[in-house]
Amino acid sequence: MATVIELRDVYKTFQIPHEIHTTLAERVLSILRPTSYERLEALRGVSVDIEQGEFVGLIGRNGSGKSTLLKIMAGLLVPDSGTCRIRGRMCELLELGLGFNPELTVRENVALYASILGYPRADLDARIHGAIEYADLDRFKDVKLKSLSTGMHIRLGFATALQANSDILLLDEILAVGDSEFQEKCMDTFRELKRDKKTIVLVSHDLAQVEGFCDRVILFNEGHVVDSGKPELIISEYKHLVMDTRRVKTKVG
């Protein structure tokens, strides 16, 4: 199989301010007292290959670098060094509804988001209708987005992104959207995508879903790839890592 996502020796560092200045007085004083920064090494020499048709899970504790890596794959972040190559059309389900406007109607927002995601013009109307129907919002299609609940908003963003029909999907905790009925619909969709051999990269803390869907799992810790392999083995390794970390914290405390 062909490699469709290839990362080589990727590093990414963030500068985190120790003080946040909110008032005018604090900002004026900060000129005389510069803010200090903490250096956070989110990714440290990460190399990953993902083959066409793989469903790959990225797991690890909070702050281990999973979501940062996903954003680099999506082109939302630029690595400090190293390379990231993507081969194929990609859709990122990371920040649902990022292009939505609360003053526009449901249908207008889907049409707007469709332009961002690159819906094919030949069946644009059908895909817009499909997204609204999938989100169970057909009777709200002419309602302004600001009138919808948060759950409706999330469902619409998810359904709209799915209609992009991309070769590669990047998912960050996306299987947790909506109520139980909508989640089951999402599960059916991902089973279908897996049967269609779509390439999917999933970041999730739901280990049962990771084990149920993924062909391979990659374990991250402190910006490094710790291991990669069969879901049940890597998930077991992750659980031991978490337990070891808790023991260390207990001893320190």
Protein backbone atom coordinates (compact mmCIF):
# COMPACT_ATOMS: atom_id res chain seq x y z
CA MET A 1 0.00 0.00 0.00
CA ALA A 2 1.03 3.58 -0.63
CA THR A 3 2.02 5.94 2.16
CA VAL A 4 -0.41 8.88 2.21
CA ILE A 5 0.78 10.65 5.39
CA GLU A 6 4.50 10.92 6.04
CA LEU A 7 6.09 12.85 8.88
CA ARG A 8 9.83 12.96 9.40
CA ASP A 9 11.63 14.23 12.53
CA VAL A 10 8.92 16.80 13.36
CA TYR A 11 9.52 19.29 16.17
CA LYS A 12 7.04 21.85 17.49
CA THR A 13 7.56 24.20 20.43
CA PHE A 14 5.20 26.74 22.02
CA GLN A 15 5.99 29.73 24.21
CA ILE A 16 3.52 29.89 27.13
CA PRO A 17 3.30 33.21 29.01
CA HIS A 18 3.40 32.98 32.79
CA GLU A 19 1.28 36.13 33.13
CA ILE A 20 -1.78 37.22 31.14
CA HIS A 21 -2.43 40.97 31.15
CA THR A 22 -6.15 41.79 30.97
CA THR A 23 -6.46 45.39 32.25
CA LEU A 24 -4.93 48.54 30.81
CA ALA A 25 -2.90 49.09 33.98
CA GLU A 26 -1.44 45.59 33.81
CA ARG A 27 -0.47 46.12 30.17
CA VAL A 28 1.25 49.42 30.98
CA LEU A 29 3.12 47.84 33.89
CA SER A 30 4.15 44.91 31.68
CA ILE A 31 6.25 47.31 29.61
CA LEU A 32 8.42 47.86 32.68
CA ARG A 33 8.10 44.23 33.80
CA PRO A 34 8.35 41.96 30.75
CA THR A 35 6.35 38.74 30.79
CA SER A 36 8.32 35.54 31.28
CA TYR A 37 7.64 32.52 29.11
CA GLU A 38 7.75 28.77 29.55
CA ARG A 39 9.03 26.67 26.65
CA LEU A 40 6.70 23.75 25.88
CA GLU A 41 8.14 21.10 23.56
CA ALA A 42 4.91 19.62 22.19
CA LEU A 43 6.61 17.39 19.60
CA ARG A 44 10.20 16.20 19.75
CA GLY A 45 11.49 14.40 16.68
CA VAL A 46 8.26 12.62 15.69
CA SER A 47 8.29 10.38 12.61
CA VAL A 48 5.08 8.66 11.48
CA ASP A 49 3.94 6.83 8.34
CA ILE A 50 0.27 6.13 7.61
CA GLU A 51 -0.73 3.92 4.70
CA GLN A 52 -3.69 4.31 2.37
CA GLY A 53 -6.82 2.74 3.87
CA GLU A 54 -5.50 2.56 7.44
CA PHE A 55 -7.65 3.56 10.43
CA VAL A 56 -5.01 4.77 12.92
CA GLY A 57 -5.59 5.88 16.50
CA LEU A 58 -3.38 8.35 18.36
CA ILE A 59 -3.53 7.93 22.14
CA GLY A 60 -1.69 9.34 25.14
CA ARG A 61 -2.16 11.53 28.18
CA ASN A 62 -3.29 15.15 27.86
CA GLY A 63 -0.41 17.27 26.60
CA SER A 64 1.44 14.36 25.00
CA GLY A 65 1.39 15.96 21.51
CA LYS A 66 -1.45 14.08 19.77
CA SER A 67 -3.62 17.04 18.81
CA THR A 68 -0.59 19.13 17.88
CA LEU A 69 0.49 16.43 15.45
CA LEU A 70 -3.03 16.26 13.98
CA LYS A 71 -3.03 20.02 13.42
CA ILE A 72 0.34 19.79 11.65
CA MET A 73 -1.11 17.06 9.40
CA ALA A 74 -4.06 19.38 8.69
CA GLY A 75 -1.80 22.31 7.86
CA LEU A 76 -3.18 24.40 10.76
CA LEU A 77 0.25 24.46 12.42
CA VAL A 78 3.70 24.65 10.83
CA PRO A 79 6.45 22.51 12.40
CA ASP A 80 9.56 24.24 13.70
CA SER A 81 11.57 21.63 11.80
CA GLY A 82 10.97 18.36 10.01
CA THR A 83 8.62 17.55 7.14
CA CYS A 84 4.96 16.59 6.69
CA ARG A 85 3.76 15.22 3.35
CA ILE A 86 0.11 14.46 2.54
CA ARG A 87 -0.96 12.60 -0.59
CA GLY A 88 -4.69 12.84 -1.29
CA ARG A 89 -7.70 15.04 -0.54
CA MET A 90 -8.05 15.66 3.17
CA CYS A 91 -10.85 16.79 5.49
CA GLU A 92 -10.14 17.87 9.05
CA LEU A 93 -12.89 17.36 11.63
CA LEU A 94 -11.03 19.20 14.36
CA GLU A 95 -12.98 22.39 15.06
CA LEU A 96 -16.51 21.74 13.85
CA GLY A 97 -18.29 24.72 12.34
CA LEU A 98 -15.14 26.84 12.22
CA GLY A 99 -16.48 28.72 9.16
CA PHE A 100 -20.06 29.13 10.43
CA ASN A 101 -21.77 32.53 10.83
CA PRO A 102 -24.46 32.77 13.54
CA GLU A 103 -26.39 35.41 11.56
CA LEU A 104 -26.84 33.10 8.53
CA THR A 105 -29.42 30.32 8.20
CA VAL A 106 -28.58 26.63 8.52
CA ARG A 107 -28.64 26.16 4.75
CA GLU A 108 -26.57 29.31 4.12
CA ASN A 109 -23.98 28.15 6.63
CA VAL A 110 -23.67 24.71 5.04
CA ALA A 111 -23.21 26.38 1.64
CA LEU A 112 -20.53 28.65 3.15
CA TYR A 113 -18.73 25.77 4.87
CA ALA A 114 -19.01 23.73 1.66
CA SER A 115 -16.86 26.31 -0.13
CA ILE A 116 -14.19 25.97 2.58
CA LEU A 117 -14.25 22.15 2.36
CA GLY A 118 -14.29 22.13 -1.45
CA TYR A 119 -17.56 20.34 -2.26
CA PRO A 120 -17.71 19.27 -5.93
CA ARG A 121 -19.81 21.79 -7.88
CA ALA A 122 -21.56 19.07 -9.88
CA ASP A 123 -23.51 17.82 -6.86
CA LEU A 124 -23.25 20.81 -4.53
CA ASP A 125 -26.99 21.12 -3.84
CA ALA A 126 -27.35 17.39 -3.17
CA ARG A 127 -24.48 17.43 -0.69
CA ILE A 128 -25.85 20.49 1.11
CA HIS A 129 -29.22 18.75 1.44
CA GLY A 130 -27.45 15.56 2.57
CA ALA A 131 -25.60 17.40 5.35
CA ILE A 132 -28.78 19.02 6.69
CA GLU A 133 -30.68 15.73 6.53
CA TYR A 134 -27.84 13.81 8.24
CA ALA A 135 -27.85 16.34 11.08
CA ASP A 136 -31.66 15.92 11.45
CA LEU A 137 -32.11 19.66 10.87
CA ASP A 138 -34.27 19.68 7.74
CA ARG A 139 -37.13 21.56 9.40
CA PHE A 140 -34.64 24.15 10.73
CA LYS A 141 -32.86 24.77 7.40
CA ASP A 142 -34.17 28.37 7.14
CA VAL A 143 -33.54 29.19 10.81
CA LYS A 144 -30.58 31.37 11.78
CA LEU A 145 -27.74 29.38 13.32
CA LYS A 146 -27.75 31.50 16.49
CA SER A 147 -31.19 30.08 17.30
CA LEU A 148 -29.90 26.49 17.44
CA SER A 149 -28.67 24.64 20.51
CA THR A 150 -24.98 23.78 20.91
CA GLY A 151 -25.76 20.13 20.13
CA MET A 152 -27.48 21.08 16.87
CA HIS A 153 -24.54 23.30 15.97
CA ILE A 154 -22.07 20.45 16.52
CA ARG A 155 -24.20 17.96 14.55
CA LEU A 156 -24.40 20.37 11.63
CA GLY A 157 -20.64 20.94 11.58
CA PHE A 158 -19.97 17.21 11.70
CA ALA A 159 -22.51 16.37 8.98
CA THR A 160 -21.24 19.17 6.73
CA ALA A 161 -17.64 18.01 7.06
CA LEU A 162 -18.59 14.42 6.19
CA GLN A 163 -20.11 15.50 2.89
CA ALA A 164 -16.68 16.60 1.64
CA ASN A 165 -16.04 12.97 0.61
CA SER A 166 -12.26 13.17 1.13
CA ASP A 167 -9.63 10.43 0.85
CA ILE A 168 -8.19 11.23 4.30
CA LEU A 169 -10.07 12.23 7.45
CA LEU A 170 -8.46 13.69 10.57
CA LEU A 171 -10.66 13.36 13.67
CA ASP A 172 -10.04 14.89 17.11
CA GLU A 173 -12.43 13.47 19.75
CA ILE A 174 -15.11 13.69 17.09
CA LEU A 175 -16.93 10.45 17.92
CA ALA A 176 -18.28 12.05 21.10
CA VAL A 177 -20.55 14.57 19.34
CA GLY A 178 -24.30 14.71 19.85
CA ASP A 179 -26.72 12.49 21.76
CA SER A 180 -26.66 8.68 21.88
CA GLU A 181 -28.84 8.32 18.76
CA PHE A 182 -26.62 10.62 16.73
CA GLN A 183 -23.47 8.92 18.05
CA GLU A 184 -24.78 5.58 16.81
CA LYS A 185 -25.35 7.15 13.39
CA CYS A 186 -21.74 8.38 13.49
CA MET A 187 -20.55 4.86 14.35
CA ASP A 188 -22.40 3.44 11.35
CA THR A 189 -20.83 6.11 9.14
CA PHE A 190 -17.32 5.27 10.31
CA ARG A 191 -17.92 1.57 9.80
CA GLU A 192 -18.90 2.43 6.23
CA LEU A 193 -15.84 4.65 5.75
CA LYS A 194 -13.64 1.84 7.03
CA ARG A 195 -15.23 -0.61 4.59
CA ASP A 196 -14.57 1.92 1.81
CA LYS A 197 -10.87 1.93 2.79
CA LYS A 198 -10.74 5.62 3.64
CA THR A 199 -7.62 6.70 5.49
CA ILE A 200 -8.62 7.89 8.97
CA VAL A 201 -6.53 9.28 11.83
CA LEU A 202 -8.36 9.49 15.15
CA VAL A 203 -7.29 11.21 18.37
CA SER A 204 -9.43 9.95 21.23
CA HIS A 205 -9.46 9.16 24.95
CA ASP A 206 -12.26 6.64 24.41
CA LEU A 207 -10.14 3.50 24.39
CA ALA A 208 -13.09 1.21 23.61
CA GLN A 209 -13.78 3.12 20.39
CA VAL A 210 -10.09 3.16 19.51
CA GLU A 211 -9.83 -0.60 19.97
CA GLY A 212 -13.07 -1.22 18.09
CA PHE A 213 -12.28 0.89 15.03
CA CYS A 214 -8.52 1.20 14.62
CA ASP A 215 -6.23 -1.12 12.66
CA ARG A 216 -3.19 0.35 14.40
CA VAL A 217 -2.58 2.59 17.40
CA ILE A 218 0.30 4.98 18.06
CA LEU A 219 1.14 5.85 21.68
CA PHE A 220 2.48 9.32 22.51
CA ASN A 221 4.12 10.56 25.68
CA GLU A 222 5.77 13.93 26.32
CA GLY A 223 6.10 14.73 22.62
CA HIS A 224 7.56 11.36 21.61
CA VAL A 225 6.19 8.29 19.86
CA VAL A 226 6.51 5.55 22.50
CA ASP A 227 5.22 2.62 20.46
CA SER A 228 3.00 1.62 17.55
CA GLY A 229 1.12 -1.60 16.84
CA LYS A 230 -2.04 -3.63 17.41
CA PRO A 231 -4.72 -1.72 19.36
CA GLU A 232 -5.06 -4.14 22.28
CA LEU A 233 -1.28 -4.22 22.88
CA ILE A 234 -0.72 -0.47 22.65
CA ILE A 235 -3.78 0.31 24.78
CA SER A 236 -2.45 -2.06 27.45
CA GLU A 237 0.92 -0.30 27.29
CA TYR A 238 -0.83 3.06 27.64
CA LYS A 239 -2.71 1.91 30.75
CA HIS A 240 0.55 0.78 32.35
CA LEU A 241 2.12 4.14 31.48
CA VAL A 242 -0.75 6.00 33.17
CA MET A 243 -0.50 3.76 36.26
CA ASP A 244 3.26 4.27 36.50
CA THR A 245 2.79 8.05 36.23
CA ARG A 246 0.19 8.02 39.03
CA ARG A 247 2.54 6.02 41.27
CA VAL A 248 5.32 8.58 40.73
CA LYS A 249 2.94 11.48 41.52
CA THR A 250 1.73 9.70 44.67
CA LYS A 251 5.31 9.20 45.89
CA VAL A 252 6.20 12.83 45.15
CA GLY A 253 3.04 14.06 46.88
